[in-house]
Amino acid sequence: PVIFQHLPLREDFAEANSVFTCLNLLYEQYFTEIEPYLPKCIEMAASIIDDERVLPDAVPIIRDFLRSIYTKHSVAFVQVMQTLNEPLRVIVTKHLQTN
C-alpha cells in the first residue's frame, strides 16, 4: 500500500490521528497483507507517541493501535518488540500498561 511509502511521520505530526486510524483499520481487516510493515509501524508509534508535536487526541489512537496488535497478533508483536532498541521498548511497554 502507498501509505507505507510515506512513513514514518517526520514533519506533519498533526496527521498522526488519521494515519493511525487508517493503520488500525488496515491491520484489523488485512493483517496478512500488511504484516510485513508491522516493524516499521510499531517503531513509528513508539517513536512519536510521547513527542510533544503529536496532538493529545492522537495518543489514545496510537495506544489503541499498539494494544490491538499486541492483543490480536501477540507473536508478531513480540517478535517486533525484540528488534526495537531499549528506549522504544520501554515506551511501548509503558503505553500498553496505561489506562
PDB file of N, CA and C in Angstrom:
ATOM      1  N   PRO A   1       0.811  -1.208   0.000  1.00  0.00           N
ATOM      2  CA  PRO A   1       0.000   0.000   0.000  1.00  0.00           C
ATOM      3  C   PRO A   1       0.854   1.272   0.000  1.00  0.00           C
ATOM      4  N   VAL A   2       0.358   2.259  -0.646  1.00  0.00           N
ATOM      5  CA  VAL A   2       1.064   3.526  -0.809  1.00  0.00           C
ATOM      6  C   VAL A   2       1.345   4.199   0.526  1.00  0.00           C
ATOM      7  N   ILE A   3       0.465   4.067   1.481  1.00  0.00           N
ATOM      8  CA  ILE A   3       0.639   4.744   2.773  1.00  0.00           C
ATOM      9  C   ILE A   3       1.999   4.438   3.395  1.00  0.00           C
ATOM     10  N   PHE A   4       2.482   3.225   3.218  1.00  0.00           N
ATOM     11  CA  PHE A   4       3.735   2.825   3.849  1.00  0.00           C
ATOM     12  C   PHE A   4       4.956   3.489   3.218  1.00  0.00           C
ATOM     13  N   GLN A   5       4.804   3.998   2.013  1.00  0.00           N
ATOM     14  CA  GLN A   5       5.904   4.716   1.366  1.00  0.00           C
ATOM     15  C   GLN A   5       6.127   6.085   2.003  1.00  0.00           C
ATOM     16  N   HIS A   6       5.140   6.554   2.735  1.00  0.00           N
ATOM     17  CA  HIS A   6       5.213   7.890   3.337  1.00  0.00           C
ATOM     18  C   HIS A   6       5.444   7.852   4.844  1.00  0.00           C
ATOM     19  N   LEU A   7       5.800   6.690   5.348  1.00  0.00           N
ATOM     20  CA  LEU A   7       6.060   6.531   6.776  1.00  0.00           C
ATOM     21  C   LEU A   7       7.541   6.316   7.006  1.00  0.00           C
ATOM     22  N   PRO A   8       8.055   6.655   8.149  1.00  0.00           N
ATOM     23  CA  PRO A   8       7.359   7.181   9.324  1.00  0.00           C
ATOM     24  C   PRO A   8       7.066   8.669   9.200  1.00  0.00           C
ATOM     25  N   LEU A   9       6.189   9.126  10.055  1.00  0.00           N
ATOM     26  CA  LEU A   9       5.895  10.558  10.113  1.00  0.00           C
ATOM     27  C   LEU A   9       7.157  11.286  10.555  1.00  0.00           C
ATOM     28  N   ARG A  10       7.489  12.334   9.846  1.00  0.00           N
ATOM     29  CA  ARG A  10       8.696  13.092  10.187  1.00  0.00           C
ATOM     30  C   ARG A  10       8.399  14.560  10.479  1.00  0.00           C
ATOM     31  N   GLU A  11       7.388  15.095   9.810  1.00  0.00           N
ATOM     32  CA  GLU A  11       7.132  16.524   9.938  1.00  0.00           C
ATOM     33  C   GLU A  11       5.702  16.843  10.362  1.00  0.00           C
ATOM     34  N   ASP A  12       4.734  16.260   9.704  1.00  0.00           N
ATOM     35  CA  ASP A  12       3.341  16.619   9.934  1.00  0.00           C
ATOM     36  C   ASP A  12       2.714  15.714  10.993  1.00  0.00           C
ATOM     37  N   PHE A  13       3.066  15.968  12.237  1.00  0.00           N
ATOM     38  CA  PHE A  13       2.581  15.134  13.329  1.00  0.00           C
ATOM     39  C   PHE A  13       1.092  15.331  13.586  1.00  0.00           C
ATOM     40  N   ALA A  14       0.514  16.387  13.039  1.00  0.00           N
ATOM     41  CA  ALA A  14      -0.927  16.600  13.175  1.00  0.00           C
ATOM     42  C   ALA A  14      -1.706  15.501  12.462  1.00  0.00           C
ATOM     43  N   GLU A  15      -1.055  14.818  11.540  1.00  0.00           N
ATOM     44  CA  GLU A  15      -1.696  13.735  10.797  1.00  0.00           C
ATOM     45  C   GLU A  15      -1.667  12.401  11.540  1.00  0.00           C
ATOM     46  N   ALA A  16      -1.029  12.333  12.689  1.00  0.00           N
ATOM     47  CA  ALA A  16      -0.890  11.067  13.416  1.00  0.00           C
ATOM     48  C   ALA A  16      -2.245  10.430  13.700  1.00  0.00           C
ATOM     49  N   ASN A  17      -3.222  11.246  14.045  1.00  0.00           N
ATOM     50  CA  ASN A  17      -4.562  10.747  14.326  1.00  0.00           C
ATOM     51  C   ASN A  17      -5.110   9.990  13.115  1.00  0.00           C
ATOM     52  N   SER A  18      -5.094  10.619  11.959  1.00  0.00           N
ATOM     53  CA  SER A  18      -5.611   9.999  10.731  1.00  0.00           C
ATOM     54  C   SER A  18      -4.791   8.790  10.312  1.00  0.00           C
ATOM     55  N   VAL A  19      -3.476   8.908  10.404  1.00  0.00           N
ATOM     56  CA  VAL A  19      -2.594   7.816   9.985  1.00  0.00           C
ATOM     57  C   VAL A  19      -2.844   6.570  10.828  1.00  0.00           C
ATOM     58  N   PHE A  20      -2.907   6.717  12.140  1.00  0.00           N
ATOM     59  CA  PHE A  20      -3.083   5.541  12.991  1.00  0.00           C
ATOM     60  C   PHE A  20      -4.518   5.013  12.979  1.00  0.00           C
ATOM     61  N   THR A  21      -5.484   5.856  12.706  1.00  0.00           N
ATOM     62  CA  THR A  21      -6.845   5.362  12.494  1.00  0.00           C
ATOM     63  C   THR A  21      -6.863   4.464  11.261  1.00  0.00           C
ATOM     64  N   CYS A  22      -6.212   4.916  10.214  1.00  0.00           N
ATOM     65  CA  CYS A  22      -6.110   4.135   8.978  1.00  0.00           C
ATOM     66  C   CYS A  22      -5.333   2.835   9.213  1.00  0.00           C
ATOM     67  N   LEU A  23      -4.209   2.922   9.908  1.00  0.00           N
ATOM     68  CA  LEU A  23      -3.406   1.725  10.180  1.00  0.00           C
ATOM     69  C   LEU A  23      -4.188   0.707  11.007  1.00  0.00           C
ATOM     70  N   ASN A  24      -4.938   1.189  11.986  1.00  0.00           N
ATOM     71  CA  ASN A  24      -5.778   0.284  12.787  1.00  0.00           C
ATOM     72  C   ASN A  24      -6.733  -0.498  11.889  1.00  0.00           C
ATOM     73  N   LEU A  25      -7.374   0.198  10.984  1.00  0.00           N
ATOM     74  CA  LEU A  25      -8.309  -0.453  10.071  1.00  0.00           C
ATOM     75  C   LEU A  25      -7.601  -1.457   9.171  1.00  0.00           C
ATOM     76  N   LEU A  26      -6.471  -1.062   8.606  1.00  0.00           N
ATOM     77  CA  LEU A  26      -5.719  -1.963   7.728  1.00  0.00           C
ATOM     78  C   LEU A  26      -5.290  -3.224   8.462  1.00  0.00           C
ATOM     79  N   TYR A  27      -4.760  -3.058   9.660  1.00  0.00           N
ATOM     80  CA  TYR A  27      -4.298  -4.223  10.410  1.00  0.00           C
ATOM     81  C   TYR A  27      -5.448  -5.117  10.854  1.00  0.00           C
ATOM     82  N   GLU A  28      -6.599  -4.529  11.143  1.00  0.00           N
ATOM     83  CA  GLU A  28      -7.754  -5.338  11.545  1.00  0.00           C
ATOM     84  C   GLU A  28      -8.317  -6.136  10.374  1.00  0.00           C
ATOM     85  N   GLN A  29      -8.341  -5.533   9.189  1.00  0.00           N
ATOM     86  CA  GLN A  29      -9.011  -6.165   8.060  1.00  0.00           C
ATOM     87  C   GLN A  29      -8.078  -6.916   7.112  1.00  0.00           C
ATOM     88  N   TYR A  30      -6.813  -6.535   7.072  1.00  0.00           N
ATOM     89  CA  TYR A  30      -5.890  -7.123   6.085  1.00  0.00           C
ATOM     90  C   TYR A  30      -4.559  -7.496   6.711  1.00  0.00           C
ATOM     91  N   PHE A  31      -4.584  -8.095   7.893  1.00  0.00           N
ATOM     92  CA  PHE A  31      -3.343  -8.330   8.630  1.00  0.00           C
ATOM     93  C   PHE A  31      -2.307  -9.098   7.817  1.00  0.00           C
ATOM     94  N   THR A  32      -2.698 -10.144   7.144  1.00  0.00           N
ATOM     95  CA  THR A  32      -1.741 -10.968   6.404  1.00  0.00           C
ATOM     96  C   THR A  32      -0.990 -10.152   5.357  1.00  0.00           C
ATOM     97  N   GLU A  33      -1.699  -9.297   4.642  1.00  0.00           N
ATOM     98  CA  GLU A  33      -1.076  -8.484   3.601  1.00  0.00           C
ATOM     99  C   GLU A  33      -0.212  -7.366   4.183  1.00  0.00           C
ATOM    100  N   ILE A  34      -0.576  -6.889   5.343  1.00  0.00           N
ATOM    101  CA  ILE A  34       0.080  -5.731   5.942  1.00  0.00           C
ATOM    102  C   ILE A  34       1.170  -6.134   6.940  1.00  0.00           C
ATOM    103  N   GLU A  35       1.193  -7.364   7.372  1.00  0.00           N
ATOM    104  CA  GLU A  35       2.137  -7.813   8.402  1.00  0.00           C
ATOM    105  C   GLU A  35       3.595  -7.445   8.127  1.00  0.00           C
ATOM    106  N   PRO A  36       4.074  -7.486   6.879  1.00  0.00           N
ATOM    107  CA  PRO A  36       5.479  -7.114   6.649  1.00  0.00           C
ATOM    108  C   PRO A  36       5.824  -5.682   7.086  1.00  0.00           C
ATOM    109  N   TYR A  37       4.820  -4.828   7.192  1.00  0.00           N
ATOM    110  CA  TYR A  37       5.048  -3.435   7.585  1.00  0.00           C
ATOM    111  C   TYR A  37       4.939  -3.221   9.096  1.00  0.00           C
ATOM    112  N   LEU A  38       4.637  -4.278   9.814  1.00  0.00           N
ATOM    113  CA  LEU A  38       4.439  -4.182  11.259  1.00  0.00           C
ATOM    114  C   LEU A  38       5.644  -3.593  11.992  1.00  0.00           C
ATOM    115  N   PRO A  39       6.876  -4.041  11.722  1.00  0.00           N
ATOM    116  CA  PRO A  39       8.017  -3.454  12.438  1.00  0.00           C
ATOM    117  C   PRO A  39       8.111  -1.940  12.261  1.00  0.00           C
ATOM    118  N   LYS A  40       7.936  -1.482  11.042  1.00  0.00           N
ATOM    119  CA  LYS A  40       8.015  -0.050  10.761  1.00  0.00           C
ATOM    120  C   LYS A  40       6.917   0.718  11.511  1.00  0.00           C
ATOM    121  N   CYS A  41       5.724   0.157  11.550  1.00  0.00           N
ATOM    122  CA  CYS A  41       4.601   0.843  12.195  1.00  0.00           C
ATOM    123  C   CYS A  41       4.733   0.879  13.712  1.00  0.00           C
ATOM    124  N   ILE A  42       5.154  -0.224  14.307  1.00  0.00           N
ATOM    125  CA  ILE A  42       5.337  -0.245  15.762  1.00  0.00           C
ATOM    126  C   ILE A  42       6.475   0.687  16.158  1.00  0.00           C
ATOM    127  N   GLU A  43       7.556   0.669  15.403  1.00  0.00           N
ATOM    128  CA  GLU A  43       8.674   1.566  15.704  1.00  0.00           C
ATOM    129  C   GLU A  43       8.242   3.023  15.572  1.00  0.00           C
ATOM    130  N   MET A  44       7.469   3.341  14.539  1.00  0.00           N
ATOM    131  CA  MET A  44       6.996   4.707  14.362  1.00  0.00           C
ATOM    132  C   MET A  44       6.085   5.101  15.521  1.00  0.00           C
ATOM    133  N   ALA A  45       5.170   4.217  15.902  1.00  0.00           N
ATOM    134  CA  ALA A  45       4.267   4.511  17.016  1.00  0.00           C
ATOM    135  C   ALA A  45       5.064   4.800  18.282  1.00  0.00           C
ATOM    136  N   ALA A  46       6.052   3.960  18.554  1.00  0.00           N
ATOM    137  CA  ALA A  46       6.869   4.140  19.756  1.00  0.00           C
ATOM    138  C   ALA A  46       7.660   5.438  19.709  1.00  0.00           C
ATOM    139  N   SER A  47       8.123   5.809  18.534  1.00  0.00           N
ATOM    140  CA  SER A  47       8.982   6.990  18.445  1.00  0.00           C
ATOM    141  C   SER A  47       8.207   8.304  18.467  1.00  0.00           C
ATOM    142  N   ILE A  48       6.901   8.281  18.175  1.00  0.00           N
ATOM    143  CA  ILE A  48       6.162   9.549  18.164  1.00  0.00           C
ATOM    144  C   ILE A  48       5.130   9.690  19.274  1.00  0.00           C
ATOM    145  N   ILE A  49       4.742   8.611  19.929  1.00  0.00           N
ATOM    146  CA  ILE A  49       3.620   8.674  20.874  1.00  0.00           C
ATOM    147  C   ILE A  49       3.868   9.664  22.021  1.00  0.00           C
ATOM    148  N   ASP A  50       5.102   9.834  22.434  1.00  0.00           N
ATOM    149  CA  ASP A  50       5.413  10.784  23.508  1.00  0.00           C
ATOM    150  C   ASP A  50       5.982  12.102  22.986  1.00  0.00           C
ATOM    151  N   ASP A  51       5.984  12.280  21.684  1.00  0.00           N
ATOM    152  CA  ASP A  51       6.520  13.503  21.082  1.00  0.00           C
ATOM    153  C   ASP A  51       5.533  14.647  21.314  1.00  0.00           C
ATOM    154  N   GLU A  52       6.031  15.778  21.763  1.00  0.00           N
ATOM    155  CA  GLU A  52       5.160  16.918  22.071  1.00  0.00           C
ATOM    156  C   GLU A  52       4.474  17.484  20.828  1.00  0.00           C
ATOM    157  N   ARG A  53       4.972  17.153  19.639  1.00  0.00           N
ATOM    158  CA  ARG A  53       4.351  17.646  18.403  1.00  0.00           C
ATOM    159  C   ARG A  53       3.097  16.853  18.026  1.00  0.00           C
ATOM    160  N   VAL A  54       2.900  15.705  18.650  1.00  0.00           N
ATOM    161  CA  VAL A  54       1.708  14.892  18.391  1.00  0.00           C
ATOM    162  C   VAL A  54       0.551  15.481  19.190  1.00  0.00           C
ATOM    163  N   LEU A  55      -0.562  15.681  18.518  1.00  0.00           N
ATOM    164  CA  LEU A  55      -1.729  16.240  19.199  1.00  0.00           C
ATOM    165  C   LEU A  55      -2.227  15.273  20.271  1.00  0.00           C
ATOM    166  N   PRO A  56      -2.666  15.803  21.413  1.00  0.00           N
ATOM    167  CA  PRO A  56      -3.097  14.938  22.521  1.00  0.00           C
ATOM    168  C   PRO A  56      -4.178  13.924  22.144  1.00  0.00           C
ATOM    169  N   ASP A  57      -5.067  14.282  21.216  1.00  0.00           N
ATOM    170  CA  ASP A  57      -6.128  13.337  20.845  1.00  0.00           C
ATOM    171  C   ASP A  57      -5.611  12.167  20.013  1.00  0.00           C
ATOM    172  N   ALA A  58      -4.396  12.263  19.502  1.00  0.00           N
ATOM    173  CA  ALA A  58      -3.814  11.163  18.720  1.00  0.00           C
ATOM    174  C   ALA A  58      -3.212  10.085  19.616  1.00  0.00           C
ATOM    175  N   VAL A  59      -2.806  10.454  20.818  1.00  0.00           N
ATOM    176  CA  VAL A  59      -2.129   9.498  21.706  1.00  0.00           C
ATOM    177  C   VAL A  59      -2.995   8.268  21.998  1.00  0.00           C
ATOM    178  N   PRO A  60      -4.273   8.420  22.360  1.00  0.00           N
ATOM    179  CA  PRO A  60      -5.088   7.220  22.596  1.00  0.00           C
ATOM    180  C   PRO A  60      -5.260   6.359  21.338  1.00  0.00           C
ATOM    181  N   ILE A  61      -5.278   6.977  20.183  1.00  0.00           N
ATOM    182  CA  ILE A  61      -5.421   6.223  18.932  1.00  0.00           C
ATOM    183  C   ILE A  61      -4.158   5.415  18.659  1.00  0.00           C
ATOM    184  N   ILE A  62      -3.002   6.028  18.887  1.00  0.00           N
ATOM    185  CA  ILE A  62      -1.731   5.311  18.720  1.00  0.00           C
ATOM    186  C   ILE A  62      -1.650   4.181  19.746  1.00  0.00           C
ATOM    187  N   ARG A  63      -2.044   4.476  20.975  1.00  0.00           N
ATOM    188  CA  ARG A  63      -2.041   3.464  22.036  1.00  0.00           C
ATOM    189  C   ARG A  63      -2.976   2.304  21.674  1.00  0.00           C
ATOM    190  N   ASP A  64      -4.147   2.621  21.144  1.00  0.00           N
ATOM    191  CA  ASP A  64      -5.085   1.572  20.721  1.00  0.00           C
ATOM    192  C   ASP A  64      -4.495   0.717  19.605  1.00  0.00           C
ATOM    193  N   PHE A  65      -3.763   1.349  18.704  1.00  0.00           N
ATOM    194  CA  PHE A  65      -3.095   0.602  17.631  1.00  0.00           C
ATOM    195  C   PHE A  65      -2.131  -0.415  18.233  1.00  0.00           C
ATOM    196  N   LEU A  66      -1.279   0.039  19.143  1.00  0.00           N
ATOM    197  CA  LEU A  66      -0.311  -0.859  19.776  1.00  0.00           C
ATOM    198  C   LEU A  66      -1.021  -1.980  20.536  1.00  0.00           C
ATOM    199  N   ARG A  67      -2.044  -1.637  21.289  1.00  0.00           N
ATOM    200  CA  ARG A  67      -2.780  -2.645  22.067  1.00  0.00           C
ATOM    201  C   ARG A  67      -3.490  -3.651  21.167  1.00  0.00           C
ATOM    202  N   SER A  68      -4.047  -3.173  20.089  1.00  0.00           N
ATOM    203  CA  SER A  68      -4.753  -4.054  19.168  1.00  0.00           C
ATOM    204  C   SER A  68      -3.807  -5.087  18.567  1.00  0.00           C
ATOM    205  N   ILE A  69      -2.648  -4.642  18.124  1.00  0.00           N
ATOM    206  CA  ILE A  69      -1.668  -5.573  17.554  1.00  0.00           C
ATOM    207  C   ILE A  69      -1.194  -6.535  18.639  1.00  0.00           C
ATOM    208  N   TYR A  70      -0.918  -6.014  19.820  1.00  0.00           N
ATOM    209  CA  TYR A  70      -0.455  -6.854  20.925  1.00  0.00           C
ATOM    210  C   TYR A  70      -1.493  -7.923  21.280  1.00  0.00           C
ATOM    211  N   THR A  71      -2.757  -7.539  21.317  1.00  0.00           N
ATOM    212  CA  THR A  71      -3.826  -8.456  21.705  1.00  0.00           C
ATOM    213  C   THR A  71      -4.140  -9.485  20.618  1.00  0.00           C
ATOM    214  N   LYS A  72      -4.247  -9.022  19.390  1.00  0.00           N
ATOM    215  CA  LYS A  72      -4.708  -9.900  18.311  1.00  0.00           C
ATOM    216  C   LYS A  72      -3.586 -10.657  17.605  1.00  0.00           C
ATOM    217  N   HIS A  73      -2.378 -10.128  17.671  1.00  0.00           N
ATOM    218  CA  HIS A  73      -1.248 -10.736  16.947  1.00  0.00           C
ATOM    219  C   HIS A  73      -0.012 -10.711  17.843  1.00  0.00           C
ATOM    220  N   SER A  74      -0.151 -11.287  19.033  1.00  0.00           N
ATOM    221  CA  SER A  74       0.897 -11.170  20.054  1.00  0.00           C
ATOM    222  C   SER A  74       2.237 -11.757  19.626  1.00  0.00           C
ATOM    223  N   VAL A  75       2.243 -12.854  18.886  1.00  0.00           N
ATOM    224  CA  VAL A  75       3.515 -13.450  18.465  1.00  0.00           C
ATOM    225  C   VAL A  75       4.272 -12.482  17.563  1.00  0.00           C
ATOM    226  N   ALA A  76       3.588 -11.922  16.577  1.00  0.00           N
ATOM    227  CA  ALA A  76       4.223 -10.957  15.675  1.00  0.00           C
ATOM    228  C   ALA A  76       4.667  -9.716  16.445  1.00  0.00           C
ATOM    229  N   PHE A  77       3.836  -9.278  17.384  1.00  0.00           N
ATOM    230  CA  PHE A  77       4.156  -8.092  18.179  1.00  0.00           C
ATOM    231  C   PHE A  77       5.429  -8.313  18.993  1.00  0.00           C
ATOM    232  N   VAL A  78       5.510  -9.437  19.668  1.00  0.00           N
ATOM    233  CA  VAL A  78       6.682  -9.740  20.499  1.00  0.00           C
ATOM    234  C   VAL A  78       7.941  -9.842  19.638  1.00  0.00           C
ATOM    235  N   GLN A  79       7.821 -10.418  18.466  1.00  0.00           N
ATOM    236  CA  GLN A  79       8.977 -10.507  17.567  1.00  0.00           C
ATOM    237  C   GLN A  79       9.484  -9.121  17.195  1.00  0.00           C
ATOM    238  N   VAL A  80       8.574  -8.219  16.907  1.00  0.00           N
ATOM    239  CA  VAL A  80       8.977  -6.849  16.573  1.00  0.00           C
ATOM    240  C   VAL A  80       9.584  -6.163  17.788  1.00  0.00           C
ATOM    241  N   MET A  81       8.976  -6.337  18.952  1.00  0.00           N
ATOM    242  CA  MET A  81       9.496  -5.708  20.173  1.00  0.00           C
ATOM    243  C   MET A  81      10.947  -6.101  20.428  1.00  0.00           C
ATOM    244  N   GLN A  82      11.301  -7.328  20.115  1.00  0.00           N
ATOM    245  CA  GLN A  82      12.670  -7.799  20.335  1.00  0.00           C
ATOM    246  C   GLN A  82      13.673  -7.101  19.420  1.00  0.00           C
ATOM    247  N   THR A  83      13.203  -6.515  18.335  1.00  0.00           N
ATOM    248  CA  THR A  83      14.105  -5.821  17.411  1.00  0.00           C
ATOM    249  C   THR A  83      14.269  -4.341  17.754  1.00  0.00           C
ATOM    250  N   LEU A  84      13.395  -3.810  18.609  1.00  0.00           N
ATOM    251  CA  LEU A  84      13.460  -2.387  18.960  1.00  0.00           C
ATOM    252  C   LEU A  84      14.563  -2.128  19.972  1.00  0.00           C
ATOM    253  N   ASN A  85      15.090  -0.906  19.934  1.00  0.00           N
ATOM    254  CA  ASN A  85      16.077  -0.553  20.958  1.00  0.00           C
ATOM    255  C   ASN A  85      15.369  -0.389  22.304  1.00  0.00           C
ATOM    256  N   GLU A  86      16.146  -0.424  23.359  1.00  0.00           N
ATOM    257  CA  GLU A  86      15.600  -0.412  24.723  1.00  0.00           C
ATOM    258  C   GLU A  86      14.682   0.781  25.001  1.00  0.00           C
ATOM    259  N   PRO A  87      15.065   2.019  24.645  1.00  0.00           N
ATOM    260  CA  PRO A  87      14.159   3.143  24.929  1.00  0.00           C
ATOM    261  C   PRO A  87      12.785   2.992  24.257  1.00  0.00           C
ATOM    262  N   LEU A  88      12.751   2.491  23.035  1.00  0.00           N
ATOM    263  CA  LEU A  88      11.463   2.314  22.358  1.00  0.00           C
ATOM    264  C   LEU A  88      10.653   1.190  22.994  1.00  0.00           C
ATOM    265  N   ARG A  89      11.319   0.129  23.423  1.00  0.00           N
ATOM    266  CA  ARG A  89      10.609  -0.961  24.118  1.00  0.00           C
ATOM    267  C   ARG A  89       9.970  -0.443  25.403  1.00  0.00           C
ATOM    268  N   VAL A  90      10.690   0.407  26.117  1.00  0.00           N
ATOM    269  CA  VAL A  90      10.171   0.978  27.368  1.00  0.00           C
ATOM    270  C   VAL A  90       8.933   1.830  27.082  1.00  0.00           C
ATOM    271  N   ILE A  91       8.990   2.632  26.039  1.00  0.00           N
ATOM    272  CA  ILE A  91       7.851   3.484  25.679  1.00  0.00           C
ATOM    273  C   ILE A  91       6.632   2.634  25.337  1.00  0.00           C
ATOM    274  N   VAL A  92       6.827   1.614  24.513  1.00  0.00           N
ATOM    275  CA  VAL A  92       5.706   0.751  24.123  1.00  0.00           C
ATOM    276  C   VAL A  92       5.127   0.056  25.350  1.00  0.00           C
ATOM    277  N   THR A  93       5.981  -0.492  26.181  1.00  0.00           N
ATOM    278  CA  THR A  93       5.521  -1.190  27.389  1.00  0.00           C
ATOM    279  C   THR A  93       4.725  -0.251  28.288  1.00  0.00           C
ATOM    280  N   LYS A  94       5.225   0.965  28.460  1.00  0.00           N
ATOM    281  CA  LYS A  94       4.528   1.960  29.286  1.00  0.00           C
ATOM    282  C   LYS A  94       3.122   2.218  28.750  1.00  0.00           C
ATOM    283  N   HIS A  95       2.996   2.365  27.451  1.00  0.00           N
ATOM    284  CA  HIS A  95       1.686   2.679  26.876  1.00  0.00           C
ATOM    285  C   HIS A  95       0.757   1.472  26.839  1.00  0.00           C
ATOM    286  N   LEU A  96       1.305   0.287  26.796  1.00  0.00           N
ATOM    287  CA  LEU A  96       0.456  -0.905  26.881  1.00  0.00           C
ATOM    288  C   LEU A  96      -0.153  -1.024  28.275  1.00  0.00           C
ATOM    289  N   GLN A  97       0.553  -0.503  29.276  1.00  0.00           N
ATOM    290  CA  GLN A  97       0.106  -0.603  30.667  1.00  0.00           C
ATOM    291  C   GLN A  97      -0.711   0.599  31.123  1.00  0.00           C
ATOM    292  N   THR A  98      -0.770   1.649  30.305  1.00  0.00           N
ATOM    293  CA  THR A  98      -1.503   2.864  30.656  1.00  0.00           C
ATOM    294  C   THR A  98      -2.988   2.682  30.371  1.00  0.00           C
ATOM    295  N   ASN A  99      -3.813   3.186  31.282  1.00  0.00           N
ATOM    296  CA  ASN A  99      -5.270   3.078  31.078  1.00  0.00           C
ATOM    297  C   ASN A  99      -5.770   4.107  30.128  1.00  0.00           C
TER     298      ASN A  99
END
